[in-house]
Amino acid sequence: MGWNLFFAVLGLGASAAAANQQRKAGDEQRKAGEEQKKAAELNAYNIETERVVSKAESLQRHNDRLEEYRNNLSANIAAFSKMNRDVRLDRSVGAFLENQKMIATDDTRRSDFMGWAEQSRMGIEALVTRAEGRAAERAGIAAQRASRVSAFTTLASGLMGFAKVR
């Protein structure tokens, strides 16, 4: 009977140690989930910052193209004037200048659209990154809960084995 009690106590101790390890593993998984969420939040913040920079760059490209158009318009008017062509009365000059205006408008419209598309992509990327972080955090919490249930079951099983011997 002495050896049975010894092994029963040894089994109970092993169950307690295993339960403790399961609990610690769950705690580590929760911490890992929290760390992943923090990292995701930081990445999302960085993406949002890049999005703001992208918007500013897009506006700058827009303004640069309009400035280029204005400079070219002035240069073209000066060149036509030097050739003694009246920009208000010469229809071919007017058509040329109108075509240049349409090209500049199309360029800015296309550039604005590309900037908007890039900013939208970045916004979605930031949302997805945050969602992944929250999912990792929830997975860590679920793993911790599952490990606690498993630890309780292991400990209860050890107690039942000990109770059978006594």
N, C-alpha and C. Protein backbone atom coordinates (compact mmCIF):
# COMPACT_ATOMS: atom_id res chain seq x y z
N MET A 1 0.82 -1.18 0.00
CA MET A 1 0.00 0.00 0.00
C MET A 1 0.87 1.25 0.00
N GLY A 2 2.06 1.24 0.53
CA GLY A 2 2.96 2.38 0.62
C GLY A 2 3.42 2.85 -0.74
N TRP A 3 3.73 1.84 -1.60
CA TRP A 3 4.20 2.22 -2.94
C TRP A 3 3.07 2.81 -3.77
N ASN A 4 1.88 2.30 -3.60
CA ASN A 4 0.74 2.83 -4.34
C ASN A 4 0.50 4.30 -3.97
N LEU A 5 0.59 4.59 -2.68
CA LEU A 5 0.40 5.97 -2.23
C LEU A 5 1.52 6.86 -2.76
N PHE A 6 2.74 6.34 -2.75
CA PHE A 6 3.88 7.09 -3.27
C PHE A 6 3.67 7.45 -4.74
N PHE A 7 3.27 6.44 -5.53
CA PHE A 7 3.05 6.69 -6.96
C PHE A 7 1.83 7.57 -7.20
N ALA A 8 0.84 7.47 -6.33
CA ALA A 8 -0.34 8.32 -6.46
C ALA A 8 0.03 9.78 -6.20
N VAL A 9 0.85 10.01 -5.16
CA VAL A 9 1.31 11.37 -4.86
C VAL A 9 2.20 11.87 -5.99
N LEU A 10 3.05 10.98 -6.51
CA LEU A 10 3.92 11.34 -7.63
C LEU A 10 3.07 11.71 -8.86
N GLY A 11 2.03 10.94 -9.13
CA GLY A 11 1.13 11.23 -10.25
C GLY A 11 0.39 12.53 -10.05
N LEU A 12 -0.03 12.79 -8.80
CA LEU A 12 -0.72 14.05 -8.51
C LEU A 12 0.23 15.23 -8.73
N GLY A 13 1.47 15.08 -8.31
CA GLY A 13 2.47 16.14 -8.51
C GLY A 13 2.74 16.37 -9.99
N ALA A 14 2.82 15.26 -10.74
CA ALA A 14 3.04 15.39 -12.19
C ALA A 14 1.85 16.07 -12.85
N SER A 15 0.65 15.75 -12.41
CA SER A 15 -0.55 16.40 -12.96
C SER A 15 -0.54 17.89 -12.65
N ALA A 16 -0.15 18.23 -11.41
CA ALA A 16 -0.09 19.64 -11.04
C ALA A 16 0.96 20.37 -11.87
N ALA A 17 2.11 19.73 -12.09
CA ALA A 17 3.17 20.36 -12.89
C ALA A 17 2.71 20.53 -14.34
N ALA A 18 2.04 19.51 -14.88
CA ALA A 18 1.55 19.60 -16.26
C ALA A 18 0.49 20.69 -16.38
N ALA A 19 -0.40 20.76 -15.39
CA ALA A 19 -1.44 21.79 -15.40
C ALA A 19 -0.81 23.19 -15.35
N ASN A 20 0.21 23.33 -14.53
CA ASN A 20 0.91 24.61 -14.42
C ASN A 20 1.56 24.99 -15.76
N GLN A 21 2.17 24.02 -16.42
CA GLN A 21 2.81 24.28 -17.72
C GLN A 21 1.76 24.66 -18.77
N GLN A 22 0.61 23.98 -18.73
CA GLN A 22 -0.45 24.31 -19.68
C GLN A 22 -0.96 25.73 -19.44
N ARG A 23 -1.09 26.11 -18.20
CA ARG A 23 -1.54 27.45 -17.87
C ARG A 23 -0.52 28.49 -18.35
N LYS A 24 0.76 28.21 -18.10
CA LYS A 24 1.81 29.15 -18.54
C LYS A 24 1.85 29.27 -20.06
N ALA A 25 1.67 28.14 -20.74
CA ALA A 25 1.66 28.18 -22.21
C ALA A 25 0.51 29.05 -22.71
N GLY A 26 -0.64 28.93 -22.08
CA GLY A 26 -1.78 29.76 -22.46
C GLY A 26 -1.51 31.23 -22.20
N ASP A 27 -0.88 31.52 -21.07
CA ASP A 27 -0.53 32.92 -20.76
C ASP A 27 0.43 33.48 -21.81
N GLU A 28 1.38 32.66 -22.24
CA GLU A 28 2.34 33.09 -23.26
C GLU A 28 1.64 33.34 -24.59
N GLN A 29 0.68 32.49 -24.92
CA GLN A 29 -0.06 32.69 -26.17
C GLN A 29 -0.87 33.98 -26.12
N ARG A 30 -1.42 34.26 -24.96
CA ARG A 30 -2.17 35.52 -24.84
C ARG A 30 -1.23 36.71 -24.98
N LYS A 31 -0.07 36.65 -24.34
CA LYS A 31 0.89 37.74 -24.46
C LYS A 31 1.34 37.91 -25.91
N ALA A 32 1.55 36.78 -26.59
CA ALA A 32 1.95 36.84 -28.00
C ALA A 32 0.86 37.51 -28.84
N GLY A 33 -0.40 37.18 -28.55
CA GLY A 33 -1.51 37.81 -29.26
C GLY A 33 -1.57 39.30 -29.01
N GLU A 34 -1.33 39.70 -27.76
CA GLU A 34 -1.32 41.12 -27.43
C GLU A 34 -0.18 41.84 -28.14
N GLU A 35 0.97 41.19 -28.21
CA GLU A 35 2.13 41.79 -28.90
C GLU A 35 1.85 41.92 -30.40
N GLN A 36 1.20 40.91 -30.97
CA GLN A 36 0.86 40.98 -32.39
C GLN A 36 -0.12 42.12 -32.64
N LYS A 37 -1.04 42.33 -31.72
CA LYS A 37 -1.99 43.43 -31.88
C LYS A 37 -1.26 44.77 -31.81
N LYS A 38 -0.34 44.90 -30.85
CA LYS A 38 0.42 46.15 -30.74
C LYS A 38 1.21 46.40 -32.02
N ALA A 39 1.85 45.34 -32.54
CA ALA A 39 2.62 45.49 -33.77
C ALA A 39 1.72 45.87 -34.94
N ALA A 40 0.54 45.27 -35.00
CA ALA A 40 -0.41 45.60 -36.07
C ALA A 40 -0.87 47.04 -35.96
N GLU A 41 -1.13 47.51 -34.75
CA GLU A 41 -1.54 48.90 -34.56
C GLU A 41 -0.44 49.86 -35.01
N LEU A 42 0.79 49.52 -34.69
CA LEU A 42 1.92 50.36 -35.11
C LEU A 42 2.05 50.36 -36.63
N ASN A 43 1.92 49.19 -37.24
CA ASN A 43 1.98 49.12 -38.71
C ASN A 43 0.85 49.91 -39.34
N ALA A 44 -0.35 49.79 -38.78
CA ALA A 44 -1.49 50.53 -39.31
C ALA A 44 -1.26 52.04 -39.18
N TYR A 45 -0.69 52.47 -38.06
CA TYR A 45 -0.38 53.89 -37.87
C TYR A 45 0.63 54.35 -38.93
N ASN A 46 1.65 53.52 -39.18
CA ASN A 46 2.64 53.87 -40.20
C ASN A 46 2.01 53.96 -41.59
N ILE A 47 1.09 53.03 -41.88
CA ILE A 47 0.41 53.05 -43.17
C ILE A 47 -0.43 54.31 -43.29
N GLU A 48 -1.12 54.68 -42.22
CA GLU A 48 -1.92 55.90 -42.24
C GLU A 48 -1.03 57.13 -42.43
N THR A 49 0.13 57.12 -41.82
CA THR A 49 1.07 58.23 -42.01
C THR A 49 1.52 58.30 -43.46
N GLU A 50 1.84 57.13 -44.05
CA GLU A 50 2.22 57.09 -45.46
C GLU A 50 1.07 57.57 -46.35
N ARG A 51 -0.14 57.28 -45.93
CA ARG A 51 -1.32 57.70 -46.69
C ARG A 51 -1.42 59.23 -46.71
N VAL A 52 -1.18 59.86 -45.58
CA VAL A 52 -1.21 61.32 -45.51
C VAL A 52 -0.10 61.91 -46.38
N VAL A 53 1.08 61.30 -46.32
CA VAL A 53 2.20 61.77 -47.16
C VAL A 53 1.84 61.60 -48.64
N SER A 54 1.24 60.47 -48.97
CA SER A 54 0.83 60.21 -50.36
C SER A 54 -0.17 61.25 -50.84
N LYS A 55 -1.09 61.64 -49.97
CA LYS A 55 -2.07 62.66 -50.34
C LYS A 55 -1.39 63.99 -50.61
N ALA A 56 -0.43 64.33 -49.75
CA ALA A 56 0.30 65.59 -49.95
C ALA A 56 1.11 65.54 -51.25
N GLU A 57 1.72 64.39 -51.53
CA GLU A 57 2.49 64.26 -52.77
C GLU A 57 1.57 64.36 -53.99
N SER A 58 0.39 63.77 -53.89
CA SER A 58 -0.57 63.82 -54.98
C SER A 58 -0.99 65.28 -55.25
N LEU A 59 -1.27 66.00 -54.19
CA LEU A 59 -1.63 67.42 -54.35
C LEU A 59 -0.47 68.23 -54.94
N GLN A 60 0.75 67.87 -54.52
CA GLN A 60 1.91 68.57 -55.05
C GLN A 60 2.08 68.29 -56.55
N ARG A 61 1.88 67.02 -56.96
CA ARG A 61 1.96 66.69 -58.40
C ARG A 61 0.90 67.47 -59.18
N HIS A 62 -0.29 67.56 -58.62
CA HIS A 62 -1.37 68.31 -59.26
C HIS A 62 -0.96 69.77 -59.45
N ASN A 63 -0.49 70.37 -58.38
CA ASN A 63 -0.09 71.77 -58.44
C ASN A 63 1.10 71.98 -59.37
N ASP A 64 2.05 71.05 -59.36
CA ASP A 64 3.22 71.16 -60.25
C ASP A 64 2.79 71.11 -61.72
N ARG A 65 1.84 70.22 -62.02
CA ARG A 65 1.38 70.11 -63.42
C ARG A 65 0.65 71.38 -63.84
N LEU A 66 -0.16 71.93 -62.96
CA LEU A 66 -0.85 73.19 -63.30
C LEU A 66 0.15 74.33 -63.48
N GLU A 67 1.16 74.37 -62.65
CA GLU A 67 2.20 75.39 -62.77
C GLU A 67 2.96 75.23 -64.09
N GLU A 68 3.25 73.99 -64.45
CA GLU A 68 3.92 73.71 -65.73
C GLU A 68 3.04 74.18 -66.90
N TYR A 69 1.74 73.91 -66.79
CA TYR A 69 0.81 74.35 -67.84
C TYR A 69 0.82 75.88 -67.96
N ARG A 70 0.75 76.56 -66.82
CA ARG A 70 0.74 78.03 -66.85
C ARG A 70 2.03 78.58 -67.47
N ASN A 71 3.17 77.98 -67.09
CA ASN A 71 4.45 78.44 -67.65
C ASN A 71 4.50 78.19 -69.16
N ASN A 72 4.04 77.01 -69.57
CA ASN A 72 4.03 76.70 -71.00
C ASN A 72 3.07 77.62 -71.76
N LEU A 73 1.94 77.91 -71.15
CA LEU A 73 0.98 78.82 -71.78
C LEU A 73 1.61 80.19 -72.00
N SER A 74 2.27 80.68 -70.98
CA SER A 74 2.93 81.99 -71.11
C SER A 74 4.00 81.96 -72.18
N ALA A 75 4.78 80.88 -72.20
CA ALA A 75 5.84 80.76 -73.22
C ALA A 75 5.24 80.66 -74.61
N ASN A 76 4.17 79.89 -74.75
CA ASN A 76 3.53 79.75 -76.07
C ASN A 76 2.94 81.08 -76.54
N ILE A 77 2.27 81.78 -75.64
CA ILE A 77 1.70 83.08 -76.01
C ILE A 77 2.81 84.05 -76.44
N ALA A 78 3.91 84.02 -75.69
CA ALA A 78 5.03 84.90 -76.04
C ALA A 78 5.62 84.51 -77.40
N ALA A 79 5.73 83.20 -77.66
CA ALA A 79 6.29 82.74 -78.94
C ALA A 79 5.37 83.13 -80.10
N PHE A 80 4.07 82.96 -79.91
CA PHE A 80 3.14 83.33 -80.99
C PHE A 80 3.11 84.84 -81.19
N SER A 81 3.21 85.57 -80.13
CA SER A 81 3.24 87.03 -80.25
C SER A 81 4.48 87.48 -81.01
N LYS A 82 5.60 86.83 -80.76
CA LYS A 82 6.85 87.17 -81.44
C LYS A 82 6.73 86.91 -82.94
N MET A 83 5.89 85.90 -83.30
CA MET A 83 5.68 85.59 -84.72
C MET A 83 4.55 86.45 -85.31
N ASN A 84 4.13 87.46 -84.56
CA ASN A 84 3.05 88.37 -84.98
C ASN A 84 1.73 87.64 -85.24
N ARG A 85 1.45 86.66 -84.39
CA ARG A 85 0.17 85.94 -84.50
C ARG A 85 -0.65 86.30 -83.27
N ASP A 86 -1.82 86.82 -83.49
CA ASP A 86 -2.69 87.24 -82.39
C ASP A 86 -3.39 86.00 -81.82
N VAL A 87 -3.11 85.72 -80.55
CA VAL A 87 -3.64 84.51 -79.92
C VAL A 87 -5.15 84.56 -79.77
N ARG A 88 -5.73 85.76 -79.80
CA ARG A 88 -7.19 85.87 -79.65
C ARG A 88 -7.90 85.72 -80.99
N LEU A 89 -7.23 86.06 -82.06
CA LEU A 89 -7.89 86.05 -83.37
C LEU A 89 -7.50 84.85 -84.24
N ASP A 90 -6.31 84.31 -84.05
CA ASP A 90 -5.84 83.19 -84.87
C ASP A 90 -6.44 81.89 -84.33
N ARG A 91 -7.30 81.28 -85.15
CA ARG A 91 -8.01 80.09 -84.69
C ARG A 91 -7.09 78.89 -84.50
N SER A 92 -6.06 78.76 -85.30
CA SER A 92 -5.15 77.62 -85.13
C SER A 92 -4.35 77.76 -83.83
N VAL A 93 -4.01 78.98 -83.49
CA VAL A 93 -3.32 79.23 -82.22
C VAL A 93 -4.27 78.92 -81.06
N GLY A 94 -5.51 79.38 -81.20
CA GLY A 94 -6.52 79.10 -80.17
C GLY A 94 -6.75 77.61 -79.99
N ALA A 95 -6.80 76.87 -81.12
CA ALA A 95 -6.99 75.41 -81.05
C ALA A 95 -5.79 74.75 -80.38
N PHE A 96 -4.60 75.22 -80.71
CA PHE A 96 -3.39 74.67 -80.08
C PHE A 96 -3.40 74.88 -78.57
N LEU A 97 -3.72 76.11 -78.17
CA LEU A 97 -3.73 76.43 -76.74
C LEU A 97 -4.84 75.66 -76.02
N GLU A 98 -6.00 75.49 -76.68
CA GLU A 98 -7.08 74.70 -76.08
C GLU A 98 -6.67 73.24 -75.93
N ASN A 99 -5.97 72.72 -76.93
CA ASN A 99 -5.48 71.33 -76.86
C ASN A 99 -4.49 71.16 -75.71
N GLN A 100 -3.63 72.14 -75.52
CA GLN A 100 -2.67 72.08 -74.41
C GLN A 100 -3.40 72.11 -73.06
N LYS A 101 -4.47 72.88 -73.00
CA LYS A 101 -5.27 72.95 -71.78
C LYS A 101 -5.92 71.60 -71.50
N MET A 102 -6.46 70.94 -72.54
CA MET A 102 -7.09 69.63 -72.37
C MET A 102 -6.07 68.59 -71.91
N ILE A 103 -4.88 68.64 -72.48
CA ILE A 103 -3.83 67.70 -72.09
C ILE A 103 -3.48 67.88 -70.61
N ALA A 104 -3.32 69.13 -70.20
CA ALA A 104 -3.00 69.40 -68.79
C ALA A 104 -4.12 68.95 -67.87
N THR A 105 -5.37 69.20 -68.30
CA THR A 105 -6.52 68.77 -67.49
C THR A 105 -6.57 67.25 -67.37
N ASP A 106 -6.35 66.55 -68.48
CA ASP A 106 -6.33 65.08 -68.45
C ASP A 106 -5.20 64.56 -67.57
N ASP A 107 -4.04 65.19 -67.68
CA ASP A 107 -2.90 64.78 -66.84
C ASP A 107 -3.22 64.92 -65.36
N THR A 108 -3.79 66.07 -64.99
CA THR A 108 -4.09 66.28 -63.57
C THR A 108 -5.19 65.34 -63.11
N ARG A 109 -6.19 65.11 -63.96
CA ARG A 109 -7.28 64.21 -63.59
C ARG A 109 -6.75 62.79 -63.38
N ARG A 110 -5.90 62.34 -64.28
CA ARG A 110 -5.32 61.00 -64.17
C ARG A 110 -4.42 60.89 -62.93
N SER A 111 -3.63 61.91 -62.70
CA SER A 111 -2.76 61.92 -61.52
C SER A 111 -3.57 61.94 -60.23
N ASP A 112 -4.64 62.73 -60.21
CA ASP A 112 -5.51 62.79 -59.03
C ASP A 112 -6.16 61.43 -58.76
N PHE A 113 -6.61 60.78 -59.85
CA PHE A 113 -7.25 59.47 -59.68
C PHE A 113 -6.24 58.45 -59.14
N MET A 114 -5.04 58.46 -59.68
CA MET A 114 -4.02 57.51 -59.21
C MET A 114 -3.68 57.77 -57.74
N GLY A 115 -3.62 59.03 -57.37
CA GLY A 115 -3.37 59.36 -55.96
C GLY A 115 -4.50 58.88 -55.08
N TRP A 116 -5.73 59.09 -55.53
CA TRP A 116 -6.89 58.64 -54.76
C TRP A 116 -6.88 57.12 -54.63
N ALA A 117 -6.57 56.42 -55.71
CA ALA A 117 -6.54 54.95 -55.67
C ALA A 117 -5.47 54.46 -54.69
N GLU A 118 -4.32 55.08 -54.71
CA GLU A 118 -3.23 54.68 -53.80
C GLU A 118 -3.62 54.95 -52.35
N GLN A 119 -4.24 56.09 -52.11
CA GLN A 119 -4.67 56.42 -50.75
C GLN A 119 -5.76 55.46 -50.27
N SER A 120 -6.65 55.09 -51.16
CA SER A 120 -7.70 54.13 -50.80
C SER A 120 -7.10 52.77 -50.47
N ARG A 121 -6.13 52.34 -51.28
CA ARG A 121 -5.45 51.07 -51.03
C ARG A 121 -4.78 51.09 -49.67
N MET A 122 -4.14 52.17 -49.35
CA MET A 122 -3.46 52.29 -48.06
C MET A 122 -4.46 52.28 -46.90
N GLY A 123 -5.59 52.95 -47.09
CA GLY A 123 -6.62 52.95 -46.06
C GLY A 123 -7.15 51.55 -45.79
N ILE A 124 -7.39 50.81 -46.84
CA ILE A 124 -7.87 49.42 -46.70
C ILE A 124 -6.79 48.56 -46.05
N GLU A 125 -5.55 48.76 -46.46
CA GLU A 125 -4.44 48.00 -45.88
C GLU A 125 -4.34 48.25 -44.37
N ALA A 126 -4.52 49.50 -43.96
CA ALA A 126 -4.47 49.83 -42.53
C ALA A 126 -5.62 49.15 -41.78
N LEU A 127 -6.81 49.15 -42.38
CA LEU A 127 -7.96 48.48 -41.75
C LEU A 127 -7.71 46.98 -41.61
N VAL A 128 -7.19 46.37 -42.66
CA VAL A 128 -6.92 44.93 -42.63
C VAL A 128 -5.85 44.62 -41.58
N THR A 129 -4.83 45.45 -41.51
CA THR A 129 -3.75 45.24 -40.53
C THR A 129 -4.30 45.31 -39.11
N ARG A 130 -5.15 46.29 -38.85
CA ARG A 130 -5.76 46.40 -37.52
C ARG A 130 -6.65 45.19 -37.22
N ALA A 131 -7.42 44.75 -38.21
CA ALA A 131 -8.29 43.58 -38.02
C ALA A 131 -7.47 42.33 -37.73
N GLU A 132 -6.36 42.17 -38.42
CA GLU A 132 -5.49 41.02 -38.16
C GLU A 132 -4.93 41.08 -36.74
N GLY A 133 -4.58 42.26 -36.29
CA GLY A 133 -4.07 42.42 -34.93
C GLY A 133 -5.12 42.05 -33.89
N ARG A 134 -6.35 42.52 -34.12
CA ARG A 134 -7.43 42.17 -33.19
C ARG A 134 -7.71 40.67 -33.21
N ALA A 135 -7.63 40.06 -34.39
CA ALA A 135 -7.85 38.61 -34.50
C ALA A 135 -6.76 37.85 -33.75
N ALA A 136 -5.52 38.31 -33.86
CA ALA A 136 -4.43 37.65 -33.15
C ALA A 136 -4.62 37.78 -31.63
N GLU A 137 -5.07 38.95 -31.20
CA GLU A 137 -5.32 39.14 -29.78
C GLU A 137 -6.44 38.20 -29.30
N ARG A 138 -7.52 38.12 -30.07
CA ARG A 138 -8.62 37.22 -29.68
C ARG A 138 -8.18 35.77 -29.69
N ALA A 139 -7.33 35.40 -30.64
CA ALA A 139 -6.82 34.02 -30.69
C ALA A 139 -5.98 33.73 -29.45
N GLY A 140 -5.19 34.70 -29.02
CA GLY A 140 -4.39 34.53 -27.80
C GLY A 140 -5.26 34.36 -26.57
N ILE A 141 -6.32 35.15 -26.49
CA ILE A 141 -7.25 35.05 -25.35
C ILE A 141 -7.93 33.68 -25.37
N ALA A 142 -8.36 33.24 -26.54
CA ALA A 142 -9.01 31.93 -26.66
C ALA A 142 -8.04 30.81 -26.29
N ALA A 143 -6.79 30.94 -26.72
CA ALA A 143 -5.79 29.91 -26.39
C ALA A 143 -5.54 29.88 -24.88
N GLN A 144 -5.53 31.04 -24.26
CA GLN A 144 -5.34 31.08 -22.81
C GLN A 144 -6.51 30.40 -22.10
N ARG A 145 -7.71 30.70 -22.53
CA ARG A 145 -8.88 30.06 -21.92
C ARG A 145 -8.85 28.56 -22.11
N ALA A 146 -8.51 28.14 -23.32
CA ALA A 146 -8.45 26.70 -23.61
C ALA A 146 -7.37 26.02 -22.75
N SER A 147 -6.26 26.70 -22.56
CA SER A 147 -5.19 26.10 -21.75
C SER A 147 -5.61 26.00 -20.28
N ARG A 148 -6.38 26.95 -19.82
CA ARG A 148 -6.86 26.88 -18.44
C ARG A 148 -7.86 25.74 -18.25
N VAL A 149 -8.71 25.55 -19.24
CA VAL A 149 -9.64 24.41 -19.17
C VAL A 149 -8.85 23.11 -19.20
N SER A 150 -7.86 23.05 -20.09
CA SER A 150 -7.02 21.85 -20.18
C SER A 150 -6.25 21.62 -18.89
N ALA A 151 -5.73 22.69 -18.29
CA ALA A 151 -5.01 22.57 -17.03
C ALA A 151 -5.94 22.08 -15.92
N PHE A 152 -7.14 22.61 -15.89
CA PHE A 152 -8.12 22.16 -14.89
C PHE A 152 -8.44 20.68 -15.08
N THR A 153 -8.64 20.28 -16.34
CA THR A 153 -8.94 18.88 -16.63
C THR A 153 -7.78 17.98 -16.22
N THR A 154 -6.57 18.40 -16.51
CA THR A 154 -5.39 17.62 -16.14
C THR A 154 -5.29 17.48 -14.62
N LEU A 155 -5.50 18.58 -13.92
CA LEU A 155 -5.43 18.56 -12.46
C LEU A 155 -6.56 17.71 -11.88
N ALA A 156 -7.75 17.83 -12.44
CA ALA A 156 -8.88 17.02 -11.96
C ALA A 156 -8.62 15.54 -12.21
N SER A 157 -8.04 15.22 -13.35
CA SER A 157 -7.71 13.82 -13.66
C SER A 157 -6.68 13.29 -12.66
N GLY A 158 -5.70 14.11 -12.34
CA GLY A 158 -4.70 13.70 -11.33
C GLY A 158 -5.31 13.50 -9.97
N LEU A 159 -6.23 14.37 -9.58
CA LEU A 159 -6.91 14.23 -8.29
C LEU A 159 -7.78 12.97 -8.27
N MET A 160 -8.42 12.68 -9.39
CA MET A 160 -9.27 11.47 -9.46
C MET A 160 -8.39 10.22 -9.32
N GLY A 161 -7.24 10.26 -9.97
CA GLY A 161 -6.31 9.11 -9.84
C GLY A 161 -5.81 8.97 -8.42
N PHE A 162 -5.52 10.08 -7.78
CA PHE A 162 -5.06 10.04 -6.39
C PHE A 162 -6.16 9.53 -5.47
N ALA A 163 -7.39 9.99 -5.72
CA ALA A 163 -8.53 9.59 -4.88
C ALA A 163 -8.80 8.08 -5.01
N LYS A 164 -8.56 7.51 -6.18
CA LYS A 164 -8.80 6.08 -6.39
C LYS A 164 -7.84 5.24 -5.56
N VAL A 165 -6.62 5.73 -5.39
CA VAL A 165 -5.61 4.97 -4.65
C VAL A 165 -5.86 5.03 -3.15
N ARG A 166 -6.30 6.15 -2.67
CA ARG A 166 -6.51 6.31 -1.23
C ARG A 166 -7.63 5.50 -0.80
